[in-house]
Amino acid sequence: MSPHNKIKLNKLRKKLDKIDNQLLKIIKIRSQVVKKVLDLKTSKSEIIDKPRINKILNKIKKDSIKKKIDPKITNRIWKNMIWSFIDYEKRNFRKK
């Protein structure tokens, strides 16, 4: 890699690092909302809502296409995020 391209690469990586920090802040906020949602659930069977998951993934696909984002990328990100939060809910569910 040329020295010029190395400099460009480092600048782009710094930009990615800033974006990652913004994403972490958003994930923290989402986690707080998920915790509130979990507090409303009375049984563990309420944790997985397949119709809602499908609705979310369909909306993300449509929005991704409109915004010219590869829908395979966003689908994979959202599926992982959804199932990660489902895992969080299962681990933190407290029977009332």
N, C-alpha and C. Protein backbone atom coordinates (compact mmCIF):
# COMPACT_ATOMS: atom_id res chain seq x y z
N MET A 1 0.85 -1.18 0.00
CA MET A 1 0.00 0.00 0.00
C MET A 1 0.89 1.24 0.00
N SER A 2 0.51 2.19 -0.80
CA SER A 2 1.30 3.42 -0.90
C SER A 2 1.14 4.23 0.39
N PRO A 3 2.13 5.07 0.70
CA PRO A 3 2.02 5.93 1.90
C PRO A 3 0.77 6.82 1.87
N HIS A 4 0.44 7.30 0.68
CA HIS A 4 -0.75 8.15 0.53
C HIS A 4 -2.02 7.37 0.88
N ASN A 5 -2.11 6.14 0.39
CA ASN A 5 -3.28 5.31 0.69
C ASN A 5 -3.32 4.91 2.15
N LYS A 6 -2.16 4.74 2.77
CA LYS A 6 -2.11 4.42 4.20
C LYS A 6 -2.70 5.56 5.02
N ILE A 7 -2.39 6.77 4.64
CA ILE A 7 -2.94 7.94 5.33
C ILE A 7 -4.46 7.98 5.16
N LYS A 8 -4.91 7.75 3.94
CA LYS A 8 -6.36 7.71 3.68
C LYS A 8 -7.04 6.62 4.50
N LEU A 9 -6.42 5.47 4.54
CA LEU A 9 -6.96 4.34 5.30
C LEU A 9 -7.10 4.70 6.78
N ASN A 10 -6.07 5.31 7.33
CA ASN A 10 -6.11 5.69 8.75
C ASN A 10 -7.21 6.70 9.03
N LYS A 11 -7.42 7.64 8.12
CA LYS A 11 -8.49 8.63 8.28
C LYS A 11 -9.85 7.95 8.24
N LEU A 12 -10.01 7.03 7.31
CA LEU A 12 -11.29 6.31 7.22
C LEU A 12 -11.53 5.44 8.46
N ARG A 13 -10.49 4.84 8.96
CA ARG A 13 -10.63 4.02 10.18
C ARG A 13 -11.02 4.88 11.37
N LYS A 14 -10.47 6.08 11.46
CA LYS A 14 -10.86 6.98 12.55
C LYS A 14 -12.33 7.37 12.42
N LYS A 15 -12.77 7.57 11.19
CA LYS A 15 -14.18 7.88 10.95
C LYS A 15 -15.06 6.71 11.38
N LEU A 16 -14.63 5.49 11.05
CA LEU A 16 -15.37 4.29 11.48
C LEU A 16 -15.41 4.18 13.00
N ASP A 17 -14.32 4.50 13.65
CA ASP A 17 -14.28 4.47 15.12
C ASP A 17 -15.30 5.44 15.73
N LYS A 18 -15.43 6.61 15.13
CA LYS A 18 -16.41 7.60 15.62
C LYS A 18 -17.83 7.07 15.43
N ILE A 19 -18.07 6.45 14.28
CA ILE A 19 -19.39 5.88 14.01
C ILE A 19 -19.68 4.76 15.01
N ASP A 20 -18.69 3.92 15.29
CA ASP A 20 -18.86 2.85 16.26
C ASP A 20 -19.24 3.39 17.63
N ASN A 21 -18.63 4.49 18.03
CA ASN A 21 -18.97 5.11 19.31
C ASN A 21 -20.40 5.61 19.33
N GLN A 22 -20.86 6.15 18.20
CA GLN A 22 -22.26 6.60 18.10
C GLN A 22 -23.20 5.39 18.20
N LEU A 23 -22.82 4.31 17.54
CA LEU A 23 -23.64 3.09 17.59
C LEU A 23 -23.74 2.55 19.02
N LEU A 24 -22.63 2.60 19.74
CA LEU A 24 -22.65 2.13 21.13
C LEU A 24 -23.62 2.95 21.99
N LYS A 25 -23.64 4.24 21.77
CA LYS A 25 -24.58 5.10 22.51
C LYS A 25 -26.02 4.72 22.18
N ILE A 26 -26.29 4.46 20.92
CA ILE A 26 -27.64 4.08 20.50
C ILE A 26 -28.01 2.71 21.07
N ILE A 27 -27.07 1.78 21.08
CA ILE A 27 -27.33 0.45 21.63
C ILE A 27 -27.62 0.55 23.13
N LYS A 28 -26.94 1.45 23.81
CA LYS A 28 -27.22 1.64 25.24
C LYS A 28 -28.66 2.12 25.44
N ILE A 29 -29.07 3.08 24.65
CA ILE A 29 -30.45 3.60 24.74
C ILE A 29 -31.44 2.49 24.41
N ARG A 30 -31.16 1.71 23.37
CA ARG A 30 -32.05 0.61 23.00
C ARG A 30 -32.13 -0.42 24.13
N SER A 31 -31.01 -0.68 24.77
CA SER A 31 -30.98 -1.63 25.89
C SER A 31 -31.87 -1.16 27.04
N GLN A 32 -31.85 0.12 27.30
CA GLN A 32 -32.68 0.67 28.38
C GLN A 32 -34.17 0.51 28.05
N VAL A 33 -34.53 0.71 26.80
CA VAL A 33 -35.93 0.55 26.39
C VAL A 33 -36.32 -0.93 26.45
N VAL A 34 -35.44 -1.80 26.00
CA VAL A 34 -35.72 -3.24 26.05
C VAL A 34 -35.93 -3.68 27.50
N LYS A 35 -35.16 -3.13 28.41
CA LYS A 35 -35.32 -3.47 29.83
C LYS A 35 -36.72 -3.06 30.33
N LYS A 36 -37.19 -1.91 29.91
CA LYS A 36 -38.54 -1.46 30.29
C LYS A 36 -39.61 -2.37 29.68
N VAL A 37 -39.38 -2.78 28.44
CA VAL A 37 -40.31 -3.71 27.79
C VAL A 37 -40.34 -5.02 28.57
N LEU A 38 -39.17 -5.51 28.94
CA LEU A 38 -39.08 -6.76 29.69
C LEU A 38 -39.83 -6.67 31.02
N ASP A 39 -39.77 -5.53 31.65
CA ASP A 39 -40.47 -5.34 32.93
C ASP A 39 -41.98 -5.50 32.78
N LEU A 40 -42.51 -5.28 31.58
CA LEU A 40 -43.94 -5.40 31.33
C LEU A 40 -44.38 -6.85 31.04
N LYS A 41 -43.44 -7.69 30.70
CA LYS A 41 -43.78 -9.06 30.33
C LYS A 41 -43.98 -9.91 31.59
N THR A 42 -45.03 -10.73 31.56
CA THR A 42 -45.37 -11.52 32.74
C THR A 42 -44.98 -13.00 32.60
N SER A 43 -44.67 -13.42 31.39
CA SER A 43 -44.22 -14.81 31.22
C SER A 43 -43.12 -14.87 30.18
N LYS A 44 -42.27 -15.86 30.32
CA LYS A 44 -41.14 -16.01 29.42
C LYS A 44 -41.59 -16.25 27.98
N SER A 45 -42.76 -16.81 27.81
CA SER A 45 -43.28 -17.07 26.46
C SER A 45 -43.57 -15.78 25.68
N GLU A 46 -43.64 -14.67 26.37
CA GLU A 46 -43.89 -13.38 25.71
C GLU A 46 -42.61 -12.78 25.11
N ILE A 47 -41.49 -13.37 25.41
CA ILE A 47 -40.22 -12.80 24.97
C ILE A 47 -40.06 -12.85 23.45
N ILE A 48 -40.38 -13.98 22.85
CA ILE A 48 -40.24 -14.10 21.39
C ILE A 48 -41.60 -13.87 20.74
N ASP A 49 -41.66 -12.82 19.93
CA ASP A 49 -42.88 -12.46 19.22
C ASP A 49 -42.56 -12.53 17.72
N LYS A 50 -42.73 -13.72 17.14
CA LYS A 50 -42.34 -13.93 15.74
C LYS A 50 -43.02 -13.00 14.75
N PRO A 51 -44.34 -12.74 14.90
CA PRO A 51 -44.96 -11.78 13.96
C PRO A 51 -44.29 -10.40 14.03
N ARG A 52 -43.95 -9.96 15.24
CA ARG A 52 -43.28 -8.66 15.38
C ARG A 52 -41.89 -8.70 14.75
N ILE A 53 -41.16 -9.77 14.96
CA ILE A 53 -39.82 -9.90 14.36
C ILE A 53 -39.92 -9.83 12.84
N ASN A 54 -40.87 -10.56 12.27
CA ASN A 54 -41.05 -10.54 10.80
C ASN A 54 -41.43 -9.15 10.31
N LYS A 55 -42.28 -8.47 11.06
CA LYS A 55 -42.69 -7.11 10.69
C LYS A 55 -41.48 -6.17 10.69
N ILE A 56 -40.65 -6.28 11.72
CA ILE A 56 -39.45 -5.45 11.82
C ILE A 56 -38.52 -5.72 10.64
N LEU A 57 -38.26 -7.00 10.38
CA LEU A 57 -37.32 -7.35 9.31
C LEU A 57 -37.83 -6.92 7.93
N ASN A 58 -39.14 -7.03 7.71
CA ASN A 58 -39.71 -6.56 6.45
C ASN A 58 -39.57 -5.05 6.29
N LYS A 59 -39.83 -4.33 7.38
CA LYS A 59 -39.70 -2.87 7.34
C LYS A 59 -38.25 -2.47 7.10
N ILE A 60 -37.33 -3.13 7.76
CA ILE A 60 -35.91 -2.83 7.57
C ILE A 60 -35.49 -3.09 6.12
N LYS A 61 -36.01 -4.16 5.55
CA LYS A 61 -35.68 -4.47 4.16
C LYS A 61 -36.18 -3.37 3.23
N LYS A 62 -37.43 -2.96 3.41
CA LYS A 62 -38.01 -1.90 2.57
C LYS A 62 -37.23 -0.59 2.74
N ASP A 63 -36.97 -0.23 3.99
CA ASP A 63 -36.24 1.02 4.27
C ASP A 63 -34.82 0.97 3.72
N SER A 64 -34.20 -0.19 3.80
CA SER A 64 -32.84 -0.33 3.27
C SER A 64 -32.81 -0.13 1.77
N ILE A 65 -33.77 -0.73 1.10
CA ILE A 65 -33.85 -0.59 -0.37
C ILE A 65 -34.08 0.87 -0.74
N LYS A 66 -35.00 1.53 -0.03
CA LYS A 66 -35.27 2.95 -0.30
C LYS A 66 -34.02 3.81 -0.11
N LYS A 67 -33.24 3.46 0.91
CA LYS A 67 -32.05 4.26 1.24
C LYS A 67 -30.79 3.76 0.54
N LYS A 68 -30.98 2.80 -0.35
CA LYS A 68 -29.87 2.24 -1.13
C LYS A 68 -28.78 1.64 -0.25
N ILE A 69 -29.23 0.86 0.72
CA ILE A 69 -28.33 0.10 1.59
C ILE A 69 -28.55 -1.37 1.25
N ASP A 70 -27.49 -2.11 1.17
CA ASP A 70 -27.62 -3.54 0.86
C ASP A 70 -28.51 -4.21 1.91
N PRO A 71 -29.70 -4.69 1.53
CA PRO A 71 -30.63 -5.27 2.50
C PRO A 71 -30.09 -6.54 3.18
N LYS A 72 -29.16 -7.22 2.54
CA LYS A 72 -28.57 -8.40 3.19
C LYS A 72 -27.76 -7.99 4.42
N ILE A 73 -27.09 -6.86 4.31
CA ILE A 73 -26.32 -6.37 5.46
C ILE A 73 -27.25 -5.99 6.60
N THR A 74 -28.27 -5.19 6.31
CA THR A 74 -29.16 -4.73 7.39
C THR A 74 -29.96 -5.89 7.97
N ASN A 75 -30.36 -6.84 7.12
CA ASN A 75 -31.09 -8.00 7.63
C ASN A 75 -30.25 -8.77 8.64
N ARG A 76 -29.02 -8.99 8.29
CA ARG A 76 -28.12 -9.74 9.19
C ARG A 76 -27.87 -8.98 10.49
N ILE A 77 -27.67 -7.67 10.37
CA ILE A 77 -27.44 -6.85 11.58
C ILE A 77 -28.67 -6.90 12.48
N TRP A 78 -29.86 -6.69 11.89
CA TRP A 78 -31.08 -6.66 12.71
C TRP A 78 -31.39 -8.02 13.31
N LYS A 79 -31.22 -9.09 12.54
CA LYS A 79 -31.46 -10.42 13.10
C LYS A 79 -30.55 -10.67 14.30
N ASN A 80 -29.28 -10.33 14.14
CA ASN A 80 -28.35 -10.53 15.25
C ASN A 80 -28.71 -9.67 16.45
N MET A 81 -29.12 -8.44 16.18
CA MET A 81 -29.49 -7.55 17.27
C MET A 81 -30.74 -8.07 17.99
N ILE A 82 -31.75 -8.44 17.20
CA ILE A 82 -33.00 -8.95 17.79
C ILE A 82 -32.72 -10.17 18.65
N TRP A 83 -31.98 -11.14 18.12
CA TRP A 83 -31.72 -12.36 18.88
C TRP A 83 -30.79 -12.13 20.05
N SER A 84 -29.93 -11.13 19.96
CA SER A 84 -29.10 -10.78 21.11
C SER A 84 -29.94 -10.20 22.24
N PHE A 85 -30.92 -9.36 21.87
CA PHE A 85 -31.80 -8.80 22.89
C PHE A 85 -32.77 -9.85 23.43
N ILE A 86 -33.17 -10.79 22.61
CA ILE A 86 -34.00 -11.90 23.11
C ILE A 86 -33.21 -12.70 24.14
N ASP A 87 -31.95 -12.95 23.84
CA ASP A 87 -31.09 -13.64 24.80
C ASP A 87 -30.98 -12.84 26.09
N TYR A 88 -30.81 -11.53 25.97
CA TYR A 88 -30.75 -10.65 27.14
C TYR A 88 -32.03 -10.77 27.96
N GLU A 89 -33.18 -10.73 27.27
CA GLU A 89 -34.47 -10.83 27.98
C GLU A 89 -34.60 -12.17 28.70
N LYS A 90 -34.22 -13.24 28.04
CA LYS A 90 -34.30 -14.57 28.67
C LYS A 90 -33.42 -14.65 29.90
N ARG A 91 -32.24 -14.08 29.81
CA ARG A 91 -31.31 -14.12 30.95
C ARG A 91 -31.78 -13.25 32.11
N ASN A 92 -32.55 -12.20 31.80
CA ASN A 92 -32.95 -11.25 32.83
C ASN A 92 -34.41 -11.30 33.22
N PHE A 93 -35.15 -12.26 32.67
CA PHE A 93 -36.57 -12.36 33.00
C PHE A 93 -36.72 -12.77 34.47
N ARG A 94 -37.56 -12.08 35.15
CA ARG A 94 -37.86 -12.40 36.56
C ARG A 94 -39.35 -12.66 36.66
N LYS A 95 -39.70 -13.84 37.09
CA LYS A 95 -41.12 -14.18 37.24
C LYS A 95 -41.74 -13.27 38.29
N LYS A 96 -42.94 -12.80 37.99
CA LYS A 96 -43.60 -11.89 38.92
C LYS A 96 -44.57 -12.62 39.81
